[in-house]
């Protein structure tokens, strides 16, 4: 008997906004292979930013209006109008706009009534404010995925396919369930071999999916569904390939897709903000032995990038050049440091108190330097550091990285530093462990783009 192969597939928000192409390139690509696939969908591009806050810039969304105790009704009405406009844009590919409008308007009205009630309770002062705010954040986040998942299912049904809207949002379900329990309970009566499953990227659970994972929640749903339903493979559909560098920086004609890599490389990428998948979503898949495939939804002929636990590139080479220009160098200089066992623990304690994780750390006899994200380098953090240590130096910088599953090649560090020197780029710090999967260079922020280009040319184009 042939074993059924189940795949769990996540479709990102920017990709979802081009749903006509998603239908053709992903969901209905193989007419004889449309079942045994569970599609976990994100909200359409920009919607979660509007509901919560902009993921990159921090521009406030509806959540901040609620957090400040203000009336959300106007903002929720604007959201409703925006989602109904999106519905109209999908009419040409089969969406029943009237049904879709009724669905999302009911959900928004329900959410607005809950927010009003929450505001009244908060004003009373009798409840834990943080817990209620977290609940409001969960409620708002769920709206985007309910909208996109319902629409996708409706379109498929109107095109004549058997499709099921798998609502993991727990809408109007007062029964307490953990995230895992809700996934198992919801799928208990669904047979993926007979219907196209479209599930919300948000899952309601007693532990709160956003408490620990925040904006990575849809990938956590994707990961948990894959593990709980014993998927053979987990596929992420994005609007681009996982490439040897950022095409917008390096040039589309110079970068190339990465065909194979491992979970260690994925973690290194995520650490500097180039998330192929959220680390807290990839780790359980890695432990369960489920491979991840990252695919470009708009280049369906390409097999994508396969991530496995044990893959090591047979040839020593750099797989990807990446980095971040939104980081800060936090340097602690203290003459008492030399010879004192555990001095850096004092620094780590301050970082922990402010919930800050560093990207890289370098040290010498009396100086410890760390690279952290600029947004986390708050005045309070700096003040606490200055209270405890002689000299605290803050400088906004950039970090560029050469990453690969096998970069243990004699001369590769010399090649990289020579390329940067030839481009007149001063290296502020350099870091690499003996495992040799990630060479990290701190440079002046104005050299961020040039540093990536020269490293890509030296390490990825001339090997």
Protein backbone atom coordinates (compact mmCIF):
# COMPACT_ATOMS: atom_id res chain seq x y z
CA UNK A 1 0.00 0.00 0.00
CA UNK A 2 1.33 3.45 -0.95
CA UNK A 3 1.86 5.67 2.06
CA UNK A 4 0.00 8.99 1.93
CA UNK A 5 2.40 11.91 1.81
CA UNK A 6 1.03 14.99 3.56
CA UNK A 7 2.53 18.43 3.02
CA UNK A 8 1.93 21.55 5.06
CA UNK A 9 2.43 24.74 3.04
CA UNK A 10 2.61 28.33 4.31
CA UNK A 11 1.77 31.21 1.99
CA UNK A 12 3.11 34.62 3.05
CA UNK A 13 1.17 37.88 3.08
CA UNK A 14 2.79 39.60 0.10
CA UNK A 15 2.32 36.41 -1.88
CA UNK A 16 -1.33 36.10 -0.80
CA UNK A 17 -2.06 39.54 -2.24
CA UNK A 18 -1.38 38.05 -5.68
CA UNK A 19 -3.82 35.22 -5.10
CA UNK A 20 -4.66 34.69 -8.77
CA UNK A 21 -1.06 33.67 -9.35
CA UNK A 22 -1.03 31.64 -6.13
CA UNK A 23 -3.94 29.60 -7.45
CA UNK A 24 -2.12 28.88 -10.69
CA UNK A 25 1.41 28.42 -9.36
CA UNK A 26 0.83 26.81 -5.95
CA UNK A 27 -2.61 25.46 -5.03
CA UNK A 28 -3.74 24.22 -8.46
CA UNK A 29 -0.32 23.82 -10.05
CA UNK A 30 -0.67 20.04 -10.35
CA UNK A 31 -4.30 19.22 -11.15
CA UNK A 32 -3.83 15.61 -10.02
CA UNK A 33 -2.07 16.61 -6.81
CA UNK A 34 -4.30 19.17 -5.12
CA UNK A 35 -5.12 17.14 -2.00
CA UNK A 36 -3.06 15.97 0.99
CA UNK A 37 -1.83 19.54 1.27
CA UNK A 38 -2.71 21.93 4.08
CA UNK A 39 -2.30 25.59 3.15
CA UNK A 40 -1.58 27.90 6.10
CA UNK A 41 -2.24 31.46 4.95
CA UNK A 42 -1.09 34.82 6.26
CA UNK A 43 -3.13 38.01 6.13
CA UNK A 44 -2.90 40.00 2.92
CA UNK A 45 0.10 42.33 2.65
CA UNK A 46 -0.02 45.25 5.07
CA UNK A 47 -3.12 44.16 7.00
CA UNK A 48 -1.36 42.87 10.13
CA UNK A 49 0.74 46.04 10.14
CA UNK A 50 -2.51 48.03 10.18
CA UNK A 51 -3.98 45.87 12.92
CA UNK A 52 -0.94 45.83 15.23
CA UNK A 53 1.99 48.01 14.13
CA UNK A 54 4.30 48.14 11.13
CA UNK A 55 6.70 45.25 11.50
CA UNK A 56 9.75 47.19 10.31
CA UNK A 57 9.08 50.85 11.10
CA UNK A 58 6.96 50.43 14.25
CA UNK A 59 4.27 52.79 12.91
CA UNK A 60 1.28 52.36 15.28
CA UNK A 61 -1.78 50.34 14.26
CA UNK A 62 -5.17 49.75 15.84
CA UNK A 63 -3.61 47.97 18.79
CA UNK A 64 -1.84 51.17 19.89
CA UNK A 65 -5.14 53.07 19.72
CA UNK A 66 -6.65 50.51 22.07
CA UNK A 67 -3.58 50.43 24.30
CA UNK A 68 -3.88 54.17 24.84
CA UNK A 69 -7.50 53.79 25.92
CA UNK A 70 -8.93 55.55 22.89
CA UNK A 71 -12.03 54.63 20.87
CA UNK A 72 -11.17 52.11 18.12
CA UNK A 73 -14.45 52.40 16.22
CA UNK A 74 -13.23 54.75 13.47
CA UNK A 75 -10.06 52.74 12.90
CA UNK A 76 -12.05 49.48 12.78
CA UNK A 77 -14.47 51.04 10.27
CA UNK A 78 -11.50 52.07 8.12
CA UNK A 79 -10.18 48.52 8.39
CA UNK A 80 -13.55 47.14 7.31
CA UNK A 81 -13.61 49.43 4.28
CA UNK A 82 -10.08 48.41 3.38
CA UNK A 83 -10.85 44.68 3.60
CA UNK A 84 -14.04 45.07 1.58
CA UNK A 85 -12.04 46.89 -1.12
CA UNK A 86 -9.66 43.95 -1.17
CA UNK A 87 -12.65 41.63 -1.56
CA UNK A 88 -13.78 43.55 -4.64
CA UNK A 89 -10.33 43.14 -6.18
CA UNK A 90 -10.72 39.34 -6.05
CA UNK A 91 -14.12 39.25 -7.78
CA UNK A 92 -12.49 38.57 -11.15
CA UNK A 93 -10.92 35.33 -9.91
CA UNK A 94 -14.09 33.91 -8.36
CA UNK A 95 -14.72 35.51 -4.96
CA UNK A 96 -18.37 35.93 -3.96
CA UNK A 97 -17.89 39.52 -2.80
CA UNK A 98 -21.22 39.83 -1.02
CA UNK A 99 -20.63 36.68 1.03
CA UNK A 100 -17.03 37.68 1.77
CA UNK A 101 -18.11 41.17 2.87
CA UNK A 102 -20.76 39.76 5.19
CA UNK A 103 -18.23 37.37 6.72
CA UNK A 104 -15.56 39.93 7.51
CA UNK A 105 -18.04 42.62 8.63
CA UNK A 106 -19.50 40.22 11.21
CA UNK A 107 -16.06 39.37 12.49
CA UNK A 108 -14.98 43.00 12.74
CA UNK A 109 -18.20 44.00 14.50
CA UNK A 110 -17.76 41.17 16.99
CA UNK A 111 -14.12 42.16 17.63
CA UNK A 112 -15.07 45.83 18.07
CA UNK A 113 -17.68 44.95 20.71
CA UNK A 114 -15.09 42.91 22.61
CA UNK A 115 -12.58 45.78 22.46
CA UNK A 116 -15.18 48.20 23.84
CA UNK A 117 -15.91 45.82 26.70
CA UNK A 118 -12.20 45.40 27.37
CA UNK A 119 -11.77 49.17 27.50
CA UNK A 120 -14.50 49.41 30.13
CA UNK A 121 -12.91 46.68 32.20
CA UNK A 122 -9.48 48.31 31.92
CA UNK A 123 -10.95 51.62 33.06
CA UNK A 124 -12.28 49.94 36.19
CA UNK A 125 -8.76 49.13 37.35
CA UNK A 126 -9.78 45.72 38.68
CA UNK A 127 -7.89 43.55 36.16
CA UNK A 128 -4.32 42.87 35.15
CA UNK A 129 -3.71 45.43 32.41
CA UNK A 130 -0.93 43.49 30.64
CA UNK A 131 -3.03 40.32 30.38
CA UNK A 132 -5.95 42.19 28.86
CA UNK A 133 -3.71 44.02 26.40
CA UNK A 134 -2.21 40.71 25.28
CA UNK A 135 -5.72 39.35 24.75
CA UNK A 136 -6.62 42.39 22.62
CA UNK A 137 -3.48 41.88 20.55
CA UNK A 138 -4.42 38.24 19.95
CA UNK A 139 -7.96 39.21 18.94
CA UNK A 140 -6.80 41.86 16.47
CA UNK A 141 -4.13 39.62 14.94
CA UNK A 142 -6.68 36.90 14.16
CA UNK A 143 -8.79 39.13 11.89
CA UNK A 144 -6.31 39.26 9.01
CA UNK A 145 -5.88 35.51 8.71
CA UNK A 146 -9.61 34.80 9.07
CA UNK A 147 -10.20 37.18 6.17
CA UNK A 148 -7.62 35.72 3.78
CA UNK A 149 -8.37 32.08 4.62
CA UNK A 150 -12.14 32.50 4.16
CA UNK A 151 -11.66 34.31 0.85
CA UNK A 152 -9.25 31.67 -0.46
CA UNK A 153 -11.68 28.87 0.40
CA UNK A 154 -14.62 30.73 -1.15
CA UNK A 155 -12.74 31.29 -4.39
CA UNK A 156 -11.77 27.61 -4.64
CA UNK A 157 -15.34 26.50 -3.94
CA UNK A 158 -16.71 28.87 -6.59
CA UNK A 159 -14.23 27.43 -9.08
CA UNK A 160 -15.74 24.00 -8.44
CA UNK A 161 -13.21 22.52 -6.02
CA UNK A 162 -13.91 20.82 -2.70
CA UNK A 163 -12.27 23.22 -0.27
CA UNK A 164 -12.53 23.61 3.51
CA UNK A 165 -12.06 26.76 5.56
CA UNK A 166 -10.07 25.56 8.58
CA UNK A 167 -10.67 28.25 11.18
CA UNK A 168 -8.09 27.94 13.96
CA UNK A 169 -8.93 31.40 15.32
CA UNK A 170 -11.39 30.02 17.89
CA UNK A 171 -13.94 32.69 16.93
CA UNK A 172 -16.79 32.69 19.48
CA UNK A 173 -15.45 29.44 20.96
CA UNK A 174 -15.34 29.86 24.73
CA UNK A 175 -13.90 26.40 25.41
CA UNK A 176 -10.37 26.57 26.69
CA UNK A 177 -7.86 24.70 24.54
CA UNK A 178 -4.11 24.92 24.12
CA UNK A 179 -2.77 25.70 20.66
CA UNK A 180 -1.98 22.03 20.06
CA UNK A 181 -5.40 20.96 21.29
CA UNK A 182 -7.19 23.43 19.02
CA UNK A 183 -5.27 22.22 15.97
CA UNK A 184 -6.02 18.59 16.79
CA UNK A 185 -9.67 19.33 17.62
CA UNK A 186 -10.24 21.35 14.43
CA UNK A 187 -8.67 18.79 12.11
CA UNK A 188 -10.31 15.77 13.77
CA UNK A 189 -13.18 15.68 11.24
CA UNK A 190 -11.25 16.90 8.19
CA UNK A 191 -9.78 14.52 5.63
CA UNK A 192 -7.04 16.34 3.67
CA UNK A 193 -7.08 13.57 1.06
CA UNK A 194 -10.59 14.62 -0.01
CA UNK A 195 -10.59 18.41 0.35
CA UNK A 196 -8.27 21.37 -0.16
CA UNK A 197 -7.55 22.65 3.35
CA UNK A 198 -7.02 26.39 3.82
CA UNK A 199 -6.19 27.22 7.44
CA UNK A 200 -5.76 30.48 9.30
CA UNK A 201 -2.19 31.38 10.17
CA UNK A 202 -3.42 32.48 13.58
CA UNK A 203 -4.31 29.83 16.18
CA UNK A 204 -6.12 30.66 19.41
CA UNK A 205 -4.78 28.91 22.50
CA UNK A 206 -4.82 29.36 26.26
CA UNK A 207 -1.09 30.07 26.29
CA UNK A 208 -1.46 32.85 23.68
CA UNK A 209 0.44 32.33 20.45
CA UNK A 210 1.65 35.94 20.43
CA UNK A 211 2.95 35.96 24.00
CA UNK A 212 6.04 34.03 22.97
CA UNK A 213 6.13 34.29 19.18
CA UNK A 214 4.53 37.70 18.47
CA UNK A 215 4.66 38.41 14.71
CA UNK A 216 6.08 34.97 13.97
CA UNK A 217 2.77 33.36 14.95
CA UNK A 218 1.70 32.20 11.46
CA UNK A 219 4.93 30.26 11.03
CA UNK A 220 4.42 28.68 14.45
CA UNK A 221 0.93 27.55 13.36
CA UNK A 222 2.52 26.16 10.19
CA UNK A 223 5.15 24.31 12.23
CA UNK A 224 2.70 22.89 14.76
CA UNK A 225 0.23 21.71 12.10
CA UNK A 226 3.08 19.97 10.29
CA UNK A 227 4.24 18.16 13.42
CA UNK A 228 0.84 17.28 14.87
CA UNK A 229 -0.43 15.91 11.54
CA UNK A 230 2.85 14.10 10.73
CA UNK A 231 3.61 16.00 7.54
CA UNK A 232 6.26 14.62 5.23
CA UNK A 233 7.48 18.08 4.17
CA UNK A 234 6.93 21.71 5.18
CA UNK A 235 6.90 24.22 2.32
CA UNK A 236 7.08 28.02 2.58
CA UNK A 237 5.91 30.00 -0.45
CA UNK A 238 7.44 33.48 -0.65
CA UNK A 239 7.62 36.18 -3.31
CA UNK A 240 11.33 35.57 -3.85
CA UNK A 241 13.98 32.84 -3.87
CA UNK A 242 16.29 32.29 -0.93
CA UNK A 243 19.34 33.64 -2.74
CA UNK A 244 23.07 34.13 -2.29
CA UNK A 245 22.34 37.77 -1.54
CA UNK A 246 19.66 40.43 -1.66
CA UNK A 247 18.90 41.01 -5.36
CA UNK A 248 18.00 44.65 -4.62
CA UNK A 249 21.52 45.20 -3.23
CA UNK A 250 23.71 42.78 -5.18
CA UNK A 251 21.80 42.80 -8.46
CA UNK A 252 19.37 40.23 -9.85
CA UNK A 253 21.88 39.16 -12.49
CA UNK A 254 24.54 38.38 -9.89
CA UNK A 255 22.70 36.43 -7.17
CA UNK A 256 21.58 32.84 -7.52
CA UNK A 257 19.10 30.66 -5.59
CA UNK A 258 20.46 28.41 -2.85
CA UNK A 259 19.35 24.85 -3.65
CA UNK A 260 20.32 23.06 -0.42
CA UNK A 261 21.22 24.16 3.07
CA UNK A 262 20.66 23.19 6.72
CA UNK A 263 18.80 24.49 9.75
CA UNK A 264 21.96 25.99 11.23
CA UNK A 265 22.23 28.33 8.24
CA UNK A 266 18.55 29.24 8.64
CA UNK A 267 19.24 30.20 12.27
CA UNK A 268 22.21 32.34 11.24
CA UNK A 269 20.07 34.18 8.68
CA UNK A 270 17.28 34.78 11.17
CA UNK A 271 19.74 36.19 13.71
CA UNK A 272 20.40 39.18 11.43
CA UNK A 273 16.80 39.61 10.32
CA UNK A 274 16.81 37.61 7.06
CA UNK A 275 14.18 35.13 8.17
CA UNK A 276 13.62 32.19 5.87
CA UNK A 277 11.53 30.90 8.80
CA UNK A 278 11.14 32.00 12.42
CA UNK A 279 13.68 30.04 14.55
CA UNK A 280 11.00 29.02 17.05
CA UNK A 281 9.03 27.53 14.17
CA UNK A 282 11.94 25.81 12.44
CA UNK A 283 13.41 24.20 15.57
CA UNK A 284 10.44 21.85 16.26
CA UNK A 285 10.39 20.83 12.58
CA UNK A 286 14.11 20.15 12.73
CA UNK A 287 13.70 18.00 15.86
CA UNK A 288 10.82 16.11 14.22
CA UNK A 289 12.93 15.35 11.15
CA UNK A 290 10.64 17.30 8.79
CA UNK A 291 12.51 19.07 6.01
CA UNK A 292 11.61 22.61 4.96
CA UNK A 293 11.43 23.78 1.37
CA UNK A 294 11.42 27.52 0.61
CA UNK A 295 9.90 28.25 -2.79
CA UNK A 296 9.31 31.31 -4.94
CA UNK A 297 5.56 31.26 -5.65
CA UNK A 298 6.13 33.23 -8.84
CA UNK A 299 8.80 30.92 -10.26
CA UNK A 300 6.96 27.59 -10.03
CA UNK A 301 9.42 25.72 -12.26
CA UNK A 302 12.18 26.05 -9.66
CA UNK A 303 12.35 23.38 -6.94
CA UNK A 304 13.29 25.91 -4.26
CA UNK A 305 15.69 25.65 -1.32
CA UNK A 306 15.60 22.46 0.75
CA UNK A 307 16.63 22.68 4.41
CA UNK A 308 17.52 19.52 6.27
CA UNK A 309 19.20 18.85 9.60
CA UNK A 310 22.32 17.08 8.40
CA UNK A 311 23.09 18.73 5.05
CA UNK A 312 26.67 19.92 4.63
CA UNK A 313 27.71 21.41 1.31
CA UNK A 314 30.17 18.95 -0.29
CA UNK A 315 32.31 21.87 -1.45
CA UNK A 316 33.59 24.52 0.92
CA UNK A 317 31.89 27.74 -0.14
CA UNK A 318 29.91 30.75 1.03
CA UNK A 319 26.21 30.23 0.43
CA UNK A 320 24.84 33.67 1.24
CA UNK A 321 25.91 37.23 2.00
CA UNK A 322 23.50 39.16 4.20
CA UNK A 323 23.42 41.59 7.11
CA UNK A 324 21.58 44.41 8.82
CA UNK A 325 21.97 48.19 8.89
CA UNK A 326 19.64 48.66 11.86
CA UNK A 327 22.11 47.61 14.54
CA UNK A 328 24.09 49.39 17.23
CA UNK A 329 27.53 48.70 18.64
CA UNK A 330 27.33 48.70 22.44
CA UNK A 331 30.85 48.71 23.84
CA UNK A 332 31.71 48.43 27.55
CA UNK A 333 35.19 49.53 28.61
CA UNK A 334 36.18 48.95 32.25
CA UNK A 335 39.68 48.69 33.69
CA UNK A 336 38.41 46.31 36.41
CA UNK A 337 37.53 43.75 33.78
CA UNK A 338 40.95 42.23 33.24
CA UNK A 339 41.40 39.04 35.20
CA UNK A 340 38.00 39.23 36.91
CA UNK A 341 36.12 35.97 36.48
CA UNK A 342 32.51 36.44 35.37
CA UNK A 343 32.72 40.16 34.62
CA UNK A 344 30.75 39.74 31.40
CA UNK A 345 27.96 38.13 33.44
CA UNK A 346 27.24 41.57 34.90
CA UNK A 347 26.73 42.92 31.38
CA UNK A 348 24.57 39.97 30.41
CA UNK A 349 22.38 40.56 33.46
CA UNK A 350 21.62 44.12 32.36
CA UNK A 351 20.75 42.89 28.87
CA UNK A 352 18.48 40.21 30.35
CA UNK A 353 16.76 42.77 32.58
CA UNK A 354 15.88 44.74 29.43
CA UNK A 355 14.99 41.63 27.38
CA UNK A 356 17.76 42.29 24.88
CA UNK A 357 19.64 39.59 22.97
CA UNK A 358 22.92 40.39 21.25
CA UNK A 359 23.80 39.30 17.71
CA UNK A 360 27.54 39.03 18.24
CA UNK A 361 30.04 39.69 21.04
CA UNK A 362 33.77 40.40 20.95
CA UNK A 363 36.12 40.90 23.88
CA UNK A 364 39.66 41.77 24.94
CA UNK A 365 41.34 42.47 28.30
CA UNK A 366 39.19 45.42 29.32
CA UNK A 367 36.56 45.86 26.61
CA UNK A 368 33.48 43.86 25.66
CA UNK A 369 31.62 44.92 22.53
CA UNK A 370 28.19 43.66 21.45
CA UNK A 371 26.05 44.22 18.40
CA UNK A 372 22.36 44.61 19.23
CA UNK A 373 19.38 45.87 17.25
CA UNK A 374 19.14 49.66 17.29
CA UNK A 375 15.50 49.62 18.42
CA UNK A 376 16.54 47.70 21.55
CA UNK A 377 19.26 50.19 22.51
CA UNK A 378 16.94 52.30 24.65
CA UNK A 379 17.89 55.23 26.90
CA UNK A 380 16.99 53.09 29.92
CA UNK A 381 19.37 50.34 28.82
CA UNK A 382 22.20 52.83 28.26
CA UNK A 383 21.54 54.51 31.63
CA UNK A 384 21.71 51.16 33.46
CA UNK A 385 24.98 50.30 31.69
CA UNK A 386 26.48 53.68 32.58
CA UNK A 387 25.60 53.20 36.25
CA UNK A 388 27.56 49.96 36.44
CA UNK A 389 30.56 50.42 34.13
CA UNK A 390 33.31 53.01 33.57
CA UNK A 391 32.71 53.80 29.90
CA UNK A 392 29.83 52.93 27.59
CA UNK A 393 30.28 53.71 23.89
CA UNK A 394 27.27 53.64 21.56
CA UNK A 395 27.59 53.76 17.78
CA UNK A 396 25.02 53.00 15.10
CA UNK A 397 26.69 50.59 12.71
CA UNK A 398 25.97 47.78 10.25
CA UNK A 399 26.78 44.10 10.25
CA UNK A 400 27.52 42.02 7.15
CA UNK A 401 27.81 38.24 7.20
CA UNK A 402 29.22 35.48 5.02
CA UNK A 403 27.21 32.35 5.85
CA UNK A 404 27.33 28.73 4.72
CA UNK A 405 27.01 25.15 5.89
CA UNK A 406 30.69 24.59 5.01
CA UNK A 407 32.91 27.67 4.87
CA UNK A 408 35.88 26.00 6.59
CA UNK A 409 38.21 26.86 3.74
CA UNK A 410 41.81 28.06 4.27
CA UNK A 411 42.16 31.68 3.25
CA UNK A 412 38.47 32.54 3.17
CA UNK A 413 38.76 35.04 6.03
CA UNK A 414 41.82 36.59 4.37
CA UNK A 415 39.92 36.81 1.08
CA UNK A 416 36.99 38.54 2.77
CA UNK A 417 39.07 41.06 4.70
CA UNK A 418 41.19 41.82 1.63
CA UNK A 419 38.08 42.49 -0.44
CA UNK A 420 36.77 44.90 2.19
CA UNK A 421 40.15 46.61 2.52
CA UNK A 422 40.46 47.01 -1.26
CA UNK A 423 37.09 48.78 -1.18
CA UNK A 424 38.45 51.10 1.55
CA UNK A 425 36.02 49.66 4.13
CA UNK A 426 37.31 49.60 7.69
CA UNK A 427 36.32 46.54 9.73
CA UNK A 428 35.26 47.63 13.22
CA UNK A 429 34.93 44.08 14.59
CA UNK A 430 35.13 40.56 13.19
CA UNK A 431 33.65 37.40 14.73
CA UNK A 432 33.66 33.73 13.81
CA UNK A 433 33.40 30.52 15.83
CA UNK A 434 35.43 27.39 15.13
CA UNK A 435 32.29 25.81 13.68
CA UNK A 436 32.79 28.24 10.78
CA UNK A 437 29.27 28.77 9.52
CA UNK A 438 29.13 32.55 9.87
CA UNK A 439 31.79 35.25 9.47
CA UNK A 440 30.44 38.53 10.86
CA UNK A 441 31.95 41.93 10.11
CA UNK A 442 30.87 45.16 11.78
CA UNK A 443 31.33 48.16 9.49
CA UNK A 444 30.27 51.78 9.36
CA UNK A 445 26.62 52.07 8.40
CA UNK A 446 27.40 53.99 5.20
CA UNK A 447 29.38 50.96 3.98
CA UNK A 448 26.49 48.49 4.43
CA UNK A 449 25.58 48.14 0.75
CA UNK A 450 29.12 48.28 -0.63
CA UNK A 451 30.38 45.72 1.90
CA UNK A 452 27.77 43.19 0.78
CA UNK A 453 28.57 43.75 -2.87
CA UNK A 454 32.32 43.29 -2.51
CA UNK A 455 31.92 40.23 -0.26
CA UNK A 456 29.47 38.65 -2.69
CA UNK A 457 31.83 39.30 -5.58
CA UNK A 458 34.82 37.88 -3.67
CA UNK A 459 33.14 34.87 -2.04
CA UNK A 460 30.12 33.91 -4.16
CA UNK A 461 30.98 34.95 -7.71
CA UNK A 462 34.66 34.11 -8.03
CA UNK A 463 34.81 30.67 -6.39
